[in-house]
Amino acid sequence: MVNLLVALMAVGVLAGVGIPLYRISLAAAATHFTIQAAPIGPQIHDACGTFTLNSLGEKGVSGAGYSAARCWQ
């Protein structure tokens, strides 16, 4: 799980500039977790909104103008 979180944080930074694009949060319990990547800074108006991924591998978006399938491709 730590490797996944680090990978998500690496994706959320504008290449070569270090400007954060997403605020990463993790909600975890003994048997499951949900990771959220909420857009910030220059990414704030992104049509995909906040990305979610849970321990079952379910990918979602909230506050989005597009479907989860389109945003996660």
Protein backbone atom coordinates (compact mmCIF):
# COMPACT_ATOMS: atom_id res chain seq x y z
CA MET A 1 0.00 0.00 0.00
CA VAL A 2 2.86 2.41 0.73
CA ASN A 3 4.27 1.93 -2.77
CA LEU A 4 0.88 2.77 -4.28
CA LEU A 5 0.61 5.95 -2.21
CA VAL A 6 4.12 7.05 -3.22
CA ALA A 7 3.31 6.35 -6.87
CA LEU A 8 0.15 8.46 -6.66
CA MET A 9 2.05 11.33 -5.05
CA ALA A 10 4.68 11.20 -7.79
CA VAL A 11 1.97 11.44 -10.46
CA GLY A 12 0.48 14.45 -8.72
CA VAL A 13 3.41 16.84 -9.31
CA LEU A 14 3.97 18.91 -12.45
CA ALA A 15 7.05 17.39 -14.08
CA GLY A 16 10.26 19.31 -13.54
CA VAL A 17 8.61 22.17 -11.64
CA GLY A 18 7.49 20.62 -8.35
CA ILE A 19 4.05 22.27 -8.36
CA PRO A 20 1.55 19.99 -6.60
CA LEU A 21 -1.49 19.07 -8.67
CA TYR A 22 -3.37 16.78 -6.25
CA ARG A 23 -3.88 16.53 -2.51
CA ILE A 24 -3.55 12.85 -1.60
CA SER A 25 -5.47 11.45 1.36
CA LEU A 26 -5.80 7.95 2.76
CA ALA A 27 -8.61 6.55 4.89
CA ALA A 28 -7.78 3.11 6.25
CA ALA A 29 -9.24 0.50 8.55
CA ALA A 30 -8.05 -2.97 9.52
CA THR A 31 -9.34 -4.62 6.35
CA HIS A 32 -9.76 -1.88 3.75
CA PHE A 33 -8.62 1.53 2.53
CA THR A 34 -9.64 4.36 0.21
CA ILE A 35 -7.19 6.76 -1.41
CA GLN A 36 -8.37 10.12 -2.76
CA ALA A 37 -6.52 12.48 -5.08
CA ALA A 38 -8.24 15.88 -5.02
CA PRO A 39 -7.14 18.47 -7.61
CA ILE A 40 -5.39 21.60 -6.34
CA GLY A 41 -3.49 24.53 -7.82
CA PRO A 42 -3.40 24.57 -11.63
CA GLN A 43 -5.35 21.28 -11.71
CA ILE A 44 -8.30 22.61 -9.65
CA HIS A 45 -10.68 22.93 -12.61
CA ASP A 46 -9.90 19.50 -14.08
CA ALA A 47 -13.05 17.87 -15.51
CA CYS A 48 -12.28 14.60 -13.71
CA GLY A 49 -12.56 16.09 -10.22
CA THR A 50 -11.37 13.93 -7.32
CA PHE A 51 -10.06 10.44 -8.09
CA THR A 52 -10.71 7.57 -5.67
CA LEU A 53 -9.27 4.06 -5.41
CA ASN A 54 -10.20 1.51 -2.77
CA SER A 55 -8.77 -1.77 -1.52
CA LEU A 56 -11.11 -3.72 -3.81
CA GLY A 57 -9.53 -2.01 -6.81
CA GLU A 58 -12.64 0.07 -7.50
CA LYS A 59 -11.78 3.32 -9.25
CA GLY A 60 -14.09 6.31 -9.05
CA VAL A 61 -14.37 10.07 -9.43
CA SER A 62 -16.46 12.68 -7.64
CA GLY A 63 -17.32 16.21 -8.69
CA ALA A 64 -16.49 15.18 -12.24
CA GLY A 65 -17.83 16.18 -15.62
CA TYR A 66 -16.68 12.81 -17.01
CA SER A 67 -17.24 9.17 -16.07
CA ALA A 68 -14.74 7.23 -13.94
CA ALA A 69 -13.96 5.03 -16.94
CA ARG A 70 -12.95 8.04 -19.05
CA CYS A 71 -10.94 9.73 -16.30
CA TRP A 72 -9.02 6.58 -15.31
CA GLN A 73 -7.97 5.59 -18.85
